Protein backbone atom coordinates (compact mmCIF):
# COMPACT_ATOMS: atom_id res chain seq x y z
CA MET A 1 -4.80 37.74 200.41
CA PRO A 2 -6.22 37.79 203.65
CA ILE A 3 -6.37 36.29 206.78
CA LEU A 4 -7.30 36.33 209.98
CA LEU A 5 -7.69 37.22 213.77
CA ALA A 6 -7.28 33.64 215.05
CA ARG A 7 -7.08 33.88 218.76
CA THR A 8 -8.95 30.01 219.13
CA PRO A 9 -7.57 26.61 218.21
CA ALA A 10 -10.23 26.48 215.69
CA GLY A 11 -9.43 30.05 214.05
CA ALA A 12 -6.03 29.02 214.15
CA ALA A 13 -6.76 25.76 212.37
CA SER A 14 -9.06 27.82 209.66
CA PHE A 15 -6.42 29.95 208.72
CA GLY A 16 -3.97 26.75 208.54
CA ARG A 17 -5.99 25.85 205.91
CA LEU A 18 -5.99 29.20 204.14
CA MET A 19 -2.56 29.42 203.71
CA ASP A 20 -2.09 25.92 202.66
CA PHE A 21 -4.88 26.31 199.91
CA ALA A 22 -3.44 29.71 198.83
CA GLY A 23 0.50 28.78 199.59
CA ALA A 24 0.95 28.54 195.62
CA PRO A 25 0.25 32.06 194.48
CA MET A 26 1.00 33.54 197.46
CA ASN A 27 4.41 33.01 197.75
CA ARG A 28 4.89 34.79 194.43
CA THR A 29 3.54 38.19 195.52
CA PHE A 30 2.20 40.29 198.58
CA PHE A 31 -1.01 40.83 199.44
CA HIS A 32 -2.78 43.62 201.51
CA LEU A 33 -4.56 42.32 204.55
CA HIS A 34 -7.33 45.25 206.03
CA LEU A 35 -8.10 43.99 209.48
CA VAL A 36 -11.10 46.09 210.66
CA SER A 37 -13.15 46.25 214.11
CA ASP A 38 -15.56 48.20 215.79
CA GLY A 39 -13.28 48.26 219.12
CA GLY A 40 -9.69 49.13 219.76
CA GLU A 41 -6.58 47.92 218.13
CA ASP A 42 -6.07 45.46 220.96
CA GLY A 43 -5.18 42.07 219.50
CA LEU A 44 -5.46 43.14 215.91
CA HIS A 45 -1.74 44.18 215.39
CA ALA A 46 -0.77 41.10 217.17
CA ALA A 47 -2.55 38.53 215.38
CA GLY A 48 -1.20 39.82 212.33
CA GLN A 49 2.55 39.62 214.04
CA ALA A 50 1.97 36.08 214.90
CA VAL A 51 0.23 34.93 211.64
CA ALA A 52 3.50 36.48 209.62
CA LYS A 53 6.01 34.63 211.95
CA LEU A 54 3.86 31.41 211.10
CA TYR A 55 4.57 31.60 207.31
CA PRO A 56 7.36 34.01 206.35
CA GLN A 57 6.94 33.05 202.77
CA VAL A 58 3.78 35.50 202.43
CA SER A 59 4.81 39.01 202.20
CA MET A 60 2.04 40.69 204.02
CA VAL A 61 1.04 44.64 203.75
CA GLU A 62 -1.23 45.02 207.26
CA HIS A 63 -3.71 47.19 207.64
CA ILE A 64 -5.36 48.20 210.97
CA HIS A 65 -8.88 49.72 211.00
CA ALA A 66 -10.15 50.19 214.57
CA LEU A 67 -13.18 51.62 215.97
CA VAL A 68 -15.18 51.99 212.56
CA ARG A 69 -18.45 52.75 214.44
CA THR A 70 -18.97 56.21 212.59
CA PRO A 71 -19.71 57.62 208.82
CA ASP A 72 -16.39 59.01 208.96
CA ARG A 73 -14.27 56.21 210.11
CA PHE A 74 -16.45 54.22 207.29
CA ARG A 75 -15.52 56.67 205.00
CA ALA A 76 -12.00 56.31 205.69
CA LEU A 77 -11.80 52.85 205.85
CA GLY A 78 -13.68 52.78 202.23
CA ALA A 79 -10.75 55.26 200.66
CA ALA A 80 -8.07 52.75 202.18
CA LEU A 81 -9.78 49.99 200.45
CA GLU A 82 -9.64 51.83 196.87
CA ARG A 83 -6.05 52.62 197.60
CA GLU A 84 -4.90 49.44 198.45
CA PRO A 85 -7.56 46.58 197.77
CA GLY A 86 -6.96 43.32 199.56
CA MET A 87 -8.57 41.01 201.76
CA VAL A 88 -10.73 42.02 204.31
CA LEU A 89 -11.43 40.57 207.30
CA TYR A 90 -14.05 42.14 210.26
CA ARG A 91 -15.11 41.73 213.39
CA ILE A 92 -18.06 44.38 213.10
CA ALA A 93 -21.36 43.94 215.46
CA ASP A 94 -23.78 46.53 214.12
CA PRO A 95 -25.07 44.54 211.33
CA GLU A 96 -25.84 47.67 209.04
CA ILE A 97 -22.22 48.43 209.29
CA ALA A 98 -21.13 45.31 208.21
CA ARG A 99 -23.63 44.94 205.44
CA ARG A 100 -22.04 48.44 204.10
CA LEU A 101 -19.03 46.95 204.32
CA GLU A 102 -19.40 43.97 202.55
CA ARG A 103 -20.90 45.91 199.56
CA LYS A 104 -18.22 48.40 199.80
CA CYS A 105 -15.90 44.89 199.02
CA ARG A 106 -18.14 43.60 196.65
CA THR A 107 -17.83 46.79 194.74
CA LEU A 108 -14.13 46.50 194.73
CA ARG A 109 -14.02 42.98 194.05
CA CYS A 110 -12.09 42.59 198.18
CA PRO A 111 -12.72 39.29 199.14
CA SER A 112 -14.23 39.53 202.81
CA LEU A 113 -15.26 37.68 205.70
CA SER A 114 -16.54 38.40 208.95
CA LEU A 115 -14.70 36.82 212.06
CA LEU A 116 -17.87 36.84 214.02
CA LYS A 117 -20.30 34.21 211.43
CA PRO A 118 -18.47 32.93 208.65
CA ALA A 119 -21.27 32.49 205.67
CA SER A 120 -21.82 30.31 203.13
CA GLY A 121 -21.54 31.32 199.08
CA ASN A 122 -25.47 32.28 199.24
CA GLY A 123 -24.87 34.81 202.25
CA ALA A 124 -26.64 32.15 204.52
CA VAL A 125 -25.07 31.67 208.08
CA ASP A 126 -22.45 28.33 207.45
CA PRO A 127 -20.92 27.29 210.93
CA GLN A 128 -18.82 24.70 208.96
CA ALA A 129 -17.46 28.06 206.59
CA SER A 130 -13.13 28.29 206.46
CA TYR A 131 -11.09 30.64 205.57
CA GLY A 132 -10.37 28.98 202.45
CA GLN A 133 -13.27 29.70 200.80
CA MET A 134 -12.16 33.69 201.10
CA ILE A 135 -9.05 32.39 199.29
CA SER A 136 -11.01 30.58 197.02
CA LEU A 137 -13.02 33.49 195.83
CA HIS A 138 -10.07 35.57 195.84
CA LEU A 139 -8.62 33.04 193.00
CA GLN A 140 -11.42 33.01 190.78
CA THR A 141 -11.82 36.94 190.52
CA ARG A 142 -8.14 36.64 189.31
CA SER A 143 -8.50 33.80 187.08
CA ARG A 144 -11.48 35.71 185.84
CA MET A 145 -9.26 38.67 185.41
CA GLY A 146 -6.85 36.48 183.50
CA PHE A 147 -9.31 35.26 181.13
CA ARG A 148 -10.58 38.55 180.48
CA LEU A 149 -7.02 40.01 179.75
CA ALA A 150 -6.35 37.01 177.36
CA THR A 151 -9.35 37.18 175.44
CA ALA A 152 -8.61 40.67 175.33
CA ALA A 153 -5.16 40.19 173.62
CA PHE A 154 -6.79 37.42 171.51
CA ALA A 155 -9.38 40.07 170.17
CA VAL A 156 -6.32 42.88 169.51
CA LEU A 157 -4.78 40.13 167.36
CA ILE A 158 -7.89 38.72 165.47
CA ALA A 159 -8.24 42.62 164.79
CA VAL A 160 -4.47 43.21 163.72
CA ALA A 161 -4.97 40.33 161.48
CA ALA A 162 -8.27 41.73 159.87
CA ALA A 163 -6.86 44.84 159.22
CA TRP A 164 -3.57 43.09 157.52
CA ILE A 165 -5.92 41.04 154.98
CA LEU A 166 -8.54 43.58 154.52
CA SER A 167 -5.62 46.31 153.56
CA ALA A 168 -4.25 44.06 151.08
CA GLU A 169 -7.54 43.07 149.76
CA ALA A 170 -8.82 46.63 149.14
CA LEU A 171 -5.52 47.40 147.24
CA ARG A 172 -4.93 44.63 145.42
CA PRO A 173 -6.05 45.67 141.50
CA ARG A 174 -9.17 43.34 139.84
CA LEU A 175 -7.30 41.75 136.96
CA ALA A 176 -8.22 38.43 135.16
CA SER A 177 -6.90 35.16 136.32
CA PHE A 178 -3.51 34.15 134.99
CA PRO A 179 -3.27 33.85 132.21
CA ALA A 180 -6.47 35.16 130.65
CA ALA A 181 -5.68 37.29 127.56
CA ALA A 182 -7.81 39.85 129.30
CA ALA A 183 -5.33 40.46 132.01
CA ALA A 184 -3.24 42.59 129.15
CA ALA A 185 -5.84 44.67 128.79
CA SER A 186 -6.59 45.72 132.69
CA ALA A 187 -3.37 46.11 133.80
CA THR A 188 -2.67 49.94 134.06
CA ALA A 189 0.08 51.56 135.50
CA GLY A 190 -1.88 52.48 138.50
CA GLU A 191 -2.67 48.93 139.03
CA HIS A 192 0.78 48.14 138.77
CA ASP A 193 1.67 50.11 142.10
CA ARG A 194 -1.35 49.04 143.54
CA ALA A 195 -0.24 45.37 143.19
CA GLU A 196 3.31 46.15 144.28
CA MET A 197 1.96 47.53 147.41
CA ALA A 198 -0.75 45.06 148.23
CA ALA A 199 2.15 42.00 147.88
CA ARG A 200 3.97 44.31 150.23
CA ILE A 201 1.45 44.53 152.62
CA GLY A 202 0.23 40.77 152.12
CA LEU A 203 4.42 39.98 152.35
CA VAL A 204 4.16 35.92 152.92
CA ARG A 205 0.85 35.76 150.27
CA GLY A 206 2.11 34.09 147.04
CA ASP A 207 -0.90 35.01 145.12
CA LEU A 208 -0.56 39.04 145.58
CA TRP A 209 3.48 38.64 144.36
CA ALA A 210 2.17 36.54 141.28
CA GLU A 211 -0.29 39.41 140.31
CA TYR A 212 2.52 41.90 141.24
CA ALA A 213 4.52 40.00 138.34
CA MET A 214 1.97 39.94 136.23
CA THR A 215 1.33 43.57 136.19
CA LEU A 216 5.08 44.33 135.71
CA VAL A 217 4.49 41.96 132.14
CA PRO A 218 0.55 41.86 131.56
CA GLN A 219 1.49 41.24 127.67
CA LEU A 220 3.12 38.01 128.14
CA PRO A 221 0.71 35.29 127.47
CA GLN A 222 -0.49 36.87 124.54
CA GLU A 223 3.08 37.62 123.32
CA ILE A 224 4.20 33.74 123.90
CA ILE A 225 1.29 32.09 121.88
CA LYS A 226 1.82 34.43 119.18
CA GLY A 227 5.53 33.75 119.29
CA GLY A 228 6.81 37.09 120.37
CA THR A 229 9.29 38.05 123.14
CA VAL A 230 9.38 40.02 125.99
CA ALA A 231 12.25 40.83 128.03
CA GLY A 232 14.01 43.64 129.41
CA ARG A 233 14.35 45.04 133.46
CA LEU A 234 10.71 44.37 133.80
CA ALA A 235 11.11 40.78 132.84
CA GLU A 236 13.53 40.10 135.63
CA LEU A 237 11.16 42.26 138.20
CA ALA A 238 8.84 39.86 136.96
CA GLN A 239 10.70 36.80 137.35
CA ALA A 240 11.87 37.61 140.80
CA ALA A 241 8.44 38.28 142.07
CA ALA A 242 7.09 34.89 140.66
CA GLU A 243 9.77 33.15 142.07
CA ARG A 244 8.84 34.41 145.90
CA ALA A 245 5.34 33.86 144.59
CA ALA A 246 5.82 29.97 143.86
CA GLY A 247 7.91 29.83 146.94
CA LEU A 248 4.78 30.78 149.12
CA SER A 249 2.24 28.92 147.14
CA PRO A 250 3.70 26.01 145.70
CA HIS A 251 0.79 24.55 145.38
CA ASP A 252 -0.86 27.10 142.40
CA SER A 253 0.27 25.55 139.55
CA ARG A 254 -0.99 29.22 137.85
CA ILE A 255 1.80 30.38 139.85
CA TRP A 256 4.34 28.08 138.60
CA LEU A 257 3.34 28.29 134.93
CA LEU A 258 3.74 32.21 135.33
CA LEU A 259 7.13 31.60 136.52
CA ALA A 260 7.67 29.02 133.14
CA ALA A 261 6.74 31.80 131.40
CA VAL A 262 8.78 34.71 132.30
CA THR A 263 11.61 32.99 132.54
CA SER A 264 11.16 31.10 128.69
CA GLN A 265 11.50 34.74 127.69
CA LEU A 266 15.02 35.60 129.48
CA ASP A 267 16.14 32.00 128.87
CA ARG A 268 15.08 31.06 125.07
CA SER A 269 16.96 27.57 125.60
CA GLY A 270 13.58 26.70 127.61
CA HIS A 271 16.28 25.05 130.10
CA GLU A 272 15.32 27.47 132.66
CA SER A 273 11.71 27.30 132.63
CA ASP A 274 11.98 23.23 132.25
CA GLY A 275 11.28 22.69 136.30
CA ALA A 276 9.00 25.36 136.74
CA LEU A 277 6.74 23.97 133.98
CA ARG A 278 7.03 20.58 135.19
CA MET A 279 5.70 21.53 138.66
CA SER A 280 2.78 23.54 136.30
CA TYR A 281 2.21 20.12 134.93
CA TYR A 282 2.50 18.23 138.42
CA THR A 283 0.43 20.62 140.43
CA GLY A 284 -2.45 21.43 138.30
CA PRO A 285 -2.29 18.48 135.66
CA ASN A 286 -6.33 18.79 134.14
CA GLU A 287 -6.16 22.57 134.63
CA LEU A 288 -7.88 23.34 131.28
CA ALA A 289 -7.34 27.15 131.72
CA LEU A 290 -3.51 26.50 131.59
CA ILE A 291 -3.68 24.26 128.28
CA PRO A 292 -2.86 27.16 125.76
CA LEU A 293 0.30 28.99 127.51
CA ARG A 294 1.57 25.71 128.70
CA LEU A 295 1.34 24.00 125.35
CA SER A 296 2.75 27.13 123.78
CA ILE A 297 5.81 27.18 126.38
CA ALA A 298 6.66 23.60 126.36
CA THR A 299 6.75 22.85 122.79
CA GLY A 300 8.30 26.12 121.70
CA SER A 301 11.27 25.67 123.98
CA THR A 302 14.16 23.04 122.94
CA VAL A 303 13.60 20.58 125.99
CA MET A 304 11.19 18.50 124.20
CA ALA A 305 13.55 15.91 123.47
CA ASP A 306 12.88 14.58 127.54
CA ALA A 307 10.54 11.87 127.90
CA ASP A 308 9.01 12.97 130.91
CA LEU A 309 8.32 16.20 129.55
CA GLN A 310 6.79 14.60 126.47
CA LEU A 311 4.90 12.28 128.63
CA LEU A 312 2.89 15.26 130.09
CA VAL A 313 2.28 17.17 126.95
CA GLY A 314 0.73 14.43 125.14
CA GLN A 315 -1.41 13.76 127.97
CA GLU A 316 -2.24 17.35 127.52
CA ILE A 317 -2.40 17.09 123.71
CA ARG A 318 -4.73 13.97 124.32
CA THR A 319 -7.32 15.82 126.59
CA ILE A 320 -7.84 18.37 123.72
CA LEU A 321 -8.36 15.97 121.39
CA THR A 322 -10.41 13.41 123.11
CA ARG A 323 -12.56 15.75 125.58
CA LYS A 324 -11.92 19.73 124.38
CA PRO A 325 -12.11 19.74 120.66
CA GLU A 326 -13.02 23.41 120.60
CA LEU A 327 -9.23 23.84 121.95
CA LYS A 328 -7.75 22.50 118.88
CA PRO A 329 -6.70 25.42 117.46
CA TRP A 330 -4.73 26.19 120.23
CA ILE A 331 -2.59 23.13 118.84
CA LEU A 332 -2.42 24.34 115.42
CA LEU A 333 -1.20 27.61 117.17
CA ALA A 334 1.52 26.15 119.11
CA TYR A 335 2.85 24.03 116.21
CA ARG A 336 3.11 27.09 114.65
CA ASN A 337 5.32 28.85 116.98
CA ALA A 338 7.14 25.41 117.95
CA SER A 339 10.55 24.43 117.98
CA PRO A 340 11.38 21.76 115.22
CA ASP A 341 11.45 18.80 118.27
CA GLY A 342 8.39 20.37 119.39
CA ARG A 343 6.50 20.14 115.69
CA SER A 344 7.63 16.76 115.41
CA PHE A 345 6.18 15.67 118.80
CA ILE A 346 2.65 17.71 118.09
CA GLU A 347 2.83 15.83 114.58
CA SER A 348 3.54 12.34 116.86
CA ALA A 349 1.01 12.80 119.06
CA THR A 350 -1.96 13.61 117.08
CA GLY A 351 -1.65 11.41 114.07
CA ALA A 352 -3.00 8.33 115.60
CA LEU A 353 -5.98 10.18 117.36
CA ASP A 354 -6.89 12.95 114.39
CA PRO A 355 -5.49 12.32 110.85
CA ALA A 356 -7.46 15.45 109.91
CA LEU A 357 -5.79 18.04 112.17
CA LEU A 358 -2.38 16.17 111.46
CA ALA A 359 -2.96 17.06 107.59
CA GLU A 360 -3.89 20.78 108.70
CA LEU A 361 -0.64 21.07 110.68
CA ARG A 362 1.45 20.16 108.04
CA ALA A 363 -0.31 22.36 105.81
CA ALA A 364 0.57 25.04 108.08
CA THR A 365 3.34 27.62 107.63
CA PRO A 366 5.62 27.61 110.77
CA ALA A 367 6.02 30.87 112.46
CA LYS A 368 9.66 30.24 112.99
């Protein structure tokens, strides 16, 4: 940063204000000071050394450019500024050379100030101008550069995040939303590989891990509703993926139902799936799309004796009977595949609200 050829008391005072204003940033680095004159070197070096002794905390690299009167000397000065940009204090009487030097300084973003006529911000001569203006200009330039670098870094982060999101979206298969029966037909072997890759790229996205789990056992919803079973290595992998999905997206009731469905196949007693099934009710009590599969899992397990679970399942059955009568066939299907406790509960829950359905349930032959 700059300084001065302060030979007068007024110049020394201005330099003091300059150093006080810039002391904070300057004590952390060095700066190049270019002292330019169209005369000899007399006084230039002495002035720089005197300033350095007054402010030992400032590391100043002094460059003296004397006899800047000819084009060759001016080109040498310009090359020095390009190599080691810094602050420029000049004492040049020729107005044309002074203007050329100021244009060069503006191009290189080097703060400059004439020692013969300090100027105001608009270029007009201002007798009250201080060297503090010069430091202010330099700090503003550095501040703008810092802002640009921060903006560029933020833009890079946004670009990386966008590439991360778009790559996962491009890979993920387009499956029907769980637990739609159409999911079984749409999960091919190729889509299984794509779902796995999308989940690994997404890493912290629970929906992608849930889709991957669904592609491992795409026939799961249909098998549970029909009373069939899905087991084996793929079911264990699906359980691990569903557990990870539930941990990443605990607000999604579909993922909890998926976990309950997979776990119910690996633990036929239903005790292991009880917690996930409850979470599916707690996070999505009014999700009508989940009713068929959720009702089948709940009534098919041996945990229907639990009072809390009975309350949740009873509310779902009442919703069907009072608001969605078109879903009554699902109650009948769940009854056929229900455990003894599940069938008893369905009968008690439907008897008061729909005696005709109760008679139909009792006439149905249980599947197991």
